[in-house]
Protein backbone atom coordinates (compact mmCIF):
# COMPACT_ATOMS: atom_id res chain seq x y z
CA MET A 1 0.00 0.00 0.00
CA GLY A 2 1.36 3.39 -0.99
CA VAL A 3 0.73 6.81 0.53
CA LEU A 4 -1.89 7.70 -2.10
CA GLU A 5 -3.77 4.48 -1.43
CA GLY A 6 -3.52 5.22 2.29
CA ALA A 7 -4.93 8.72 1.79
CA PHE A 8 -7.80 7.35 -0.28
CA LEU A 9 -8.61 4.70 2.32
CA GLY A 10 -8.45 7.40 5.00
CA LEU A 11 -11.04 9.33 3.00
CA VAL A 12 -13.22 6.22 2.87
CA GLN A 13 -12.74 5.68 6.61
CA GLY A 14 -13.69 9.25 7.43
CA LEU A 15 -16.76 9.19 5.18
CA THR A 16 -18.10 5.87 6.44
CA GLU A 17 -17.14 5.57 10.12
CA PHE A 18 -20.06 7.56 11.49
CA LEU A 19 -22.65 6.79 8.86
CA PRO A 20 -24.53 3.51 9.47
CA ILE A 21 -22.96 1.84 6.42
CA SER A 22 -19.86 0.05 7.87
CA SER A 23 -16.40 1.59 7.57
CA SER A 24 -14.64 -1.79 7.94
CA GLY A 25 -16.73 -3.25 5.12
CA HIS A 26 -15.96 -0.30 2.87
CA LEU A 27 -12.25 -0.43 3.65
CA ALA A 28 -12.16 -4.12 2.75
CA ILE A 29 -14.08 -3.60 -0.50
CA VAL A 30 -12.30 -0.45 -1.66
CA GLY A 31 -8.87 -1.64 -0.54
CA THR A 32 -9.20 -4.79 -2.63
CA LEU A 33 -10.61 -3.03 -5.69
CA ILE A 34 -7.80 -0.43 -5.83
CA GLY A 35 -5.16 -3.12 -5.57
CA ALA A 36 -4.10 -2.40 -1.99
CA GLN A 37 -5.92 -5.59 -0.91
CA ASP A 38 -8.04 -5.73 2.21
CA PRO A 39 -6.02 -3.43 4.54
CA GLY A 40 -6.90 -5.71 7.44
CA ALA A 41 -8.19 -5.34 10.96
CA ALA A 42 -5.00 -3.69 12.24
CA PHE A 43 -5.06 -0.90 9.62
CA THR A 44 -8.77 -0.40 10.25
CA ALA A 45 -8.32 -0.18 14.03
CA ILE A 46 -5.38 2.23 13.83
CA SER A 47 -6.95 4.53 11.22
CA GLN A 48 -10.09 4.65 13.36
CA LEU A 49 -8.03 6.56 15.92
CA GLY A 50 -8.28 9.49 13.53
CA THR A 51 -12.05 9.38 13.40
CA GLU A 52 -12.31 8.99 17.16
CA ALA A 53 -10.11 12.06 17.57
CA ALA A 54 -12.77 13.84 15.51
CA VAL A 55 -15.48 12.58 17.91
CA ILE A 56 -13.50 13.79 20.92
CA LEU A 57 -13.05 17.22 19.34
CA TYR A 58 -16.69 17.53 18.28
CA PHE A 59 -18.14 16.40 21.63
CA ARG A 60 -15.30 17.87 23.72
CA ARG A 61 -17.58 19.87 26.02
CA ASP A 62 -19.85 16.88 26.69
CA ILE A 63 -16.88 14.60 27.26
CA ALA A 64 -15.12 17.04 29.59
CA ARG A 65 -18.30 17.49 31.61
CA ILE A 66 -18.95 13.74 31.83
CA ILE A 67 -15.40 12.93 32.91
CA THR A 68 -15.30 15.77 35.45
CA ARG A 69 -18.62 14.83 37.04
CA TRP A 70 -17.74 11.12 37.01
CA VAL A 71 -14.42 11.72 38.78
CA ARG A 72 -16.05 14.04 41.29
CA SER A 73 -18.71 11.43 41.99
CA LEU A 74 -15.99 8.96 42.93
CA ALA A 75 -14.79 11.45 45.53
CA GLY A 76 -18.34 12.02 46.76
CA ARG A 77 -18.40 15.63 45.60
CA VAL A 78 -21.43 15.08 43.36
CA PRO A 79 -24.24 12.54 43.75
CA ARG A 80 -23.66 9.13 42.20
CA ASP A 81 -26.94 9.51 40.31
CA ASP A 82 -25.84 12.79 38.71
CA PRO A 83 -26.78 12.48 34.97
CA ASP A 84 -23.24 13.14 33.71
CA ALA A 85 -21.57 10.93 36.33
CA ARG A 86 -24.09 8.22 35.49
CA MET A 87 -23.30 8.59 31.78
CA GLY A 88 -19.65 7.92 32.58
CA TRP A 89 -20.57 4.62 34.20
CA LEU A 90 -22.93 3.75 31.35
CA VAL A 91 -20.19 4.28 28.75
CA ILE A 92 -17.89 2.00 30.78
CA LEU A 93 -20.63 -0.64 31.06
CA GLY A 94 -21.42 -0.46 27.34
CA THR A 95 -17.75 -0.90 26.44
CA ILE A 96 -17.37 -4.23 28.26
CA PRO A 97 -19.13 -6.48 25.67
CA ILE A 98 -17.02 -5.39 22.69
CA GLY A 99 -13.84 -5.64 24.75
CA VAL A 100 -14.57 -9.21 25.86
CA LEU A 101 -15.90 -10.47 22.52
CA GLY A 102 -13.11 -8.72 20.59
CA LEU A 103 -10.47 -10.63 22.54
CA VAL A 104 -12.33 -13.96 22.42
CA PHE A 105 -13.01 -13.85 18.67
CA GLN A 106 -9.92 -11.92 17.56
CA ASP A 107 -8.67 -14.61 15.16
CA ALA A 108 -12.04 -14.99 13.44
CA ILE A 109 -12.43 -11.21 13.19
CA GLU A 110 -9.09 -10.88 11.40
CA THR A 111 -9.60 -13.87 9.09
CA THR A 112 -12.85 -15.78 8.51
CA LEU A 113 -15.26 -12.91 9.11
CA ARG A 114 -13.49 -10.66 6.59
CA GLY A 115 -14.78 -12.70 3.63
CA PHE A 116 -16.85 -10.70 1.14
CA ALA A 117 -19.74 -13.15 1.28
CA VAL A 118 -20.01 -12.29 4.97
CA ILE A 119 -19.72 -8.55 4.29
CA ALA A 120 -22.41 -8.56 1.60
CA THR A 121 -24.78 -10.53 3.83
CA THR A 122 -24.32 -8.35 6.89
CA LEU A 123 -24.78 -5.23 4.76
CA TRP A 124 -28.31 -6.11 3.67
CA VAL A 125 -29.41 -7.94 6.82
CA PHE A 126 -28.51 -5.02 9.08
CA ALA A 127 -29.93 -2.58 6.53
CA LEU A 128 -33.33 -4.22 6.99
CA LEU A 129 -32.94 -4.16 10.77
CA LEU A 130 -32.07 -0.45 10.71
CA GLY A 131 -35.01 0.31 8.44
CA ALA A 132 -37.41 -1.63 10.63
CA ALA A 133 -36.12 0.01 13.81
CA ASP A 134 -36.42 3.47 12.27
CA ARG A 135 -39.99 2.74 11.26
CA VAL A 136 -41.32 1.13 14.46
CA GLY A 137 -39.22 2.90 17.11
CA ARG A 138 -41.15 5.37 19.27
CA LYS A 139 -38.30 7.93 19.14
CA GLU A 140 -39.30 9.60 22.41
CA ARG A 141 -36.62 8.68 24.94
CA THR A 142 -33.71 11.06 25.58
CA LEU A 143 -30.32 10.20 27.03
CA ASP A 144 -31.27 11.34 30.52
CA ARG A 145 -33.62 8.32 30.55
CA LEU A 146 -30.86 5.84 29.61
CA THR A 147 -31.01 2.84 31.96
CA TRP A 148 -28.32 0.34 32.96
CA LYS A 149 -30.08 -2.40 31.02
CA HIS A 150 -30.26 -0.24 27.91
CA GLY A 151 -26.62 0.76 28.27
CA LEU A 152 -25.64 -2.92 28.22
CA LEU A 153 -27.90 -3.60 25.22
CA PHE A 154 -26.27 -0.70 23.36
CA GLY A 155 -22.91 -2.28 24.18
CA LEU A 156 -23.96 -5.69 22.87
CA ALA A 157 -25.17 -4.03 19.67
CA GLN A 158 -21.84 -2.23 19.32
CA SER A 159 -19.99 -5.55 19.63
CA MET A 160 -21.76 -6.80 16.49
CA ALA A 161 -19.61 -4.29 14.58
CA LEU A 162 -16.66 -6.65 15.09
CA ILE A 163 -18.10 -8.32 11.98
CA PRO A 164 -17.27 -6.25 8.87
CA GLY A 165 -20.39 -4.99 7.16
CA VAL A 166 -22.46 -4.53 10.31
CA SER A 167 -21.42 -0.92 11.19
CA ARG A 168 -20.65 0.25 14.71
CA SER A 169 -22.93 3.28 14.48
CA GLY A 170 -25.54 1.30 12.54
CA GLY A 171 -25.74 -1.42 15.18
CA THR A 172 -25.96 0.91 18.17
CA ILE A 173 -28.36 3.32 16.46
CA THR A 174 -30.60 0.40 15.48
CA MET A 175 -30.66 -0.78 19.09
CA GLY A 176 -31.38 2.74 20.32
CA LEU A 177 -34.31 3.15 17.95
CA LEU A 178 -35.74 -0.24 18.95
CA LEU A 179 -35.51 0.84 22.60
CA GLY A 180 -37.48 3.99 21.81
CA TYR A 181 -34.73 6.62 21.80
CA THR A 182 -34.79 9.59 19.47
CA ARG A 183 -32.54 9.51 16.40
CA GLU A 184 -30.33 12.21 17.87
CA ALA A 185 -30.05 10.52 21.28
CA ALA A 186 -29.21 7.13 19.75
CA ALA A 187 -26.55 8.67 17.50
CA ARG A 188 -25.00 10.77 20.28
CA TYR A 189 -24.70 7.82 22.68
CA SER A 190 -23.37 5.68 19.81
CA PHE A 191 -20.54 8.14 19.23
CA LEU A 192 -19.72 8.51 22.94
CA LEU A 193 -19.82 4.74 23.45
CA ALA A 194 -17.40 4.16 20.59
CA ILE A 195 -14.62 6.32 22.03
CA PRO A 196 -13.11 3.95 24.63
CA ALA A 197 -13.70 0.86 22.47
CA VAL A 198 -12.06 2.28 19.34
CA VAL A 199 -9.20 4.03 21.14
CA LEU A 200 -8.33 0.92 23.17
CA SER A 201 -8.65 -1.30 20.08
CA GLY A 202 -6.44 0.99 18.02
CA PHE A 203 -3.65 1.13 20.57
CA TYR A 204 -3.95 -2.61 21.27
CA GLN A 205 -3.59 -3.41 17.58
CA LEU A 206 -0.66 -1.01 17.34
CA TYR A 207 1.07 -2.66 20.30
CA ASP A 208 0.33 -6.14 18.94
CA GLU A 209 1.78 -5.31 15.51
CA VAL A 210 4.92 -3.71 16.96
CA SER A 211 5.53 -6.42 19.58
CA THR A 212 5.24 -9.22 17.02
CA GLY A 213 7.54 -7.49 14.56
CA ALA A 214 4.86 -7.36 11.88
CA ALA A 215 5.54 -5.16 8.86
CA ILE A 216 3.44 -2.01 9.14
CA ALA A 217 3.00 0.47 6.32
CA TRP A 218 3.60 3.39 8.66
CA ALA A 219 3.43 6.27 6.17
CA PRO A 220 0.15 5.17 4.51
CA THR A 221 -1.39 4.36 7.88
CA ALA A 222 -0.42 7.76 9.34
CA VAL A 223 -1.75 9.60 6.28
CA ALA A 224 -4.97 7.58 6.41
CA THR A 225 -5.43 8.46 10.08
CA LEU A 226 -4.98 12.20 9.47
CA VAL A 227 -7.34 12.22 6.49
CA ALA A 228 -9.91 10.18 8.44
CA PHE A 229 -9.78 12.76 11.25
CA ALA A 230 -10.49 15.74 8.99
CA VAL A 231 -13.20 14.07 6.95
CA GLY A 232 -14.75 12.37 9.98
CA TYR A 233 -15.24 15.67 11.80
CA ALA A 234 -17.15 17.11 8.84
CA VAL A 235 -19.31 13.97 8.58
CA ILE A 236 -20.27 14.09 12.28
CA ALA A 237 -21.37 17.71 11.98
CA TRP A 238 -23.42 16.90 8.88
CA LEU A 239 -25.02 13.74 10.27
CA MET A 240 -26.13 15.33 13.55
CA ARG A 241 -27.98 17.97 11.51
CA PHE A 242 -29.32 15.49 8.94
CA ILE A 243 -31.01 13.11 11.39
CA THR A 244 -33.00 15.88 13.05
CA THR A 245 -35.21 16.13 9.96
CA HIS A 246 -34.57 12.93 7.97
CA SER A 247 -34.99 9.19 8.44
CA TYR A 248 -32.29 6.56 7.85
CA THR A 249 -33.96 5.33 4.65
CA VAL A 250 -31.20 6.61 2.36
CA PHE A 251 -28.63 4.54 4.27
CA VAL A 252 -30.87 1.46 4.19
CA VAL A 253 -31.21 1.71 0.40
CA TYR A 254 -27.48 2.33 -0.02
CA ARG A 255 -26.51 -0.71 2.08
CA ILE A 256 -28.81 -3.02 0.12
CA ALA A 257 -27.53 -1.68 -3.22
CA LEU A 258 -23.92 -2.11 -2.09
CA ALA A 259 -24.63 -5.66 -0.92
CA LEU A 260 -25.97 -6.55 -4.38
CA VAL A 261 -22.87 -5.04 -6.01
CA VAL A 262 -20.60 -7.05 -3.73
CA TYR A 263 -22.49 -10.28 -4.49
CA VAL A 264 -22.07 -9.60 -8.23
CA LEU A 265 -18.34 -8.93 -7.80
CA VAL A 266 -17.98 -12.13 -5.79
CA LEU A 267 -19.76 -14.16 -8.48
CA ALA A 268 -17.54 -12.51 -11.11
CA GLN A 269 -14.52 -13.49 -8.99
CA VAL A 270 -13.43 -9.88 -8.67
CA LEU A 271 -13.77 -10.16 -4.91
CA PRO A 272 -13.07 -13.41 -2.99
CA ALA A 273 -16.07 -14.88 -1.21
CA TRP A 274 -13.97 -16.04 1.72
CA HIS A 275 -10.84 -14.72 3.36
CA GLY A 276 -7.67 -16.12 1.80
CA THR A 277 -9.41 -17.31 -1.39
CA SER A 278 -7.25 -17.10 -4.47
CA PHE A 279 -8.48 -17.04 -8.06
CA GLY A 280 -5.12 -18.24 -9.36
């Protein structure tokens, strides 16, 4: 992978990380089609640090307030049931499922589950789930009504994004809508919930690659991360405005159309159905 390919994949990462269309699935598809091959779970995790930096910058006031109130609650200076302190605990609780499942299924995530037959299938299946949730969800609950049970369910939904094609934001937003939260509330908690999971995953993958002596395309990865940061920030700002007046239908249609394209490319042997498949 060269620097230009890295920049292009960073653009893809930034455009797709926060939209419910799966950044990991897009990176795998685009990376293979441009000849860089599937950049892999490590590249995806590290480049996601750029998009999470964008989340931290965009929600910096919320994050600072949550952390401050959470720390002060530990010292007994604010009530334990303070909304911001409680949100800190809920983010921690929601992070546990993806951390545990990510470690348990790490090998499958980096190999078997990266097949394009899997990606195409998860694209359309979770498109239908998102569409259904957006249609039937009551969209009346706000984040101050987030319960411990719901926080854990959000976390379980986020862990589904370990499978390329699912979408981290898509999974958590779908769960939020099914639980009756507003589009804005589901998206906001989705972004906050992703911060510890993505940051820890990125640094873990970085440590794992360095400690094992694996060859890392440092320059392309660094460029991809910087591009993902800039583009990701713009996408967050746009999406938070978009969902106040629009449904998720456009993303549902896009996911299904992309799934059909991937199936066609798999049948044409342009993309391998399963990880490691060679067309000779």
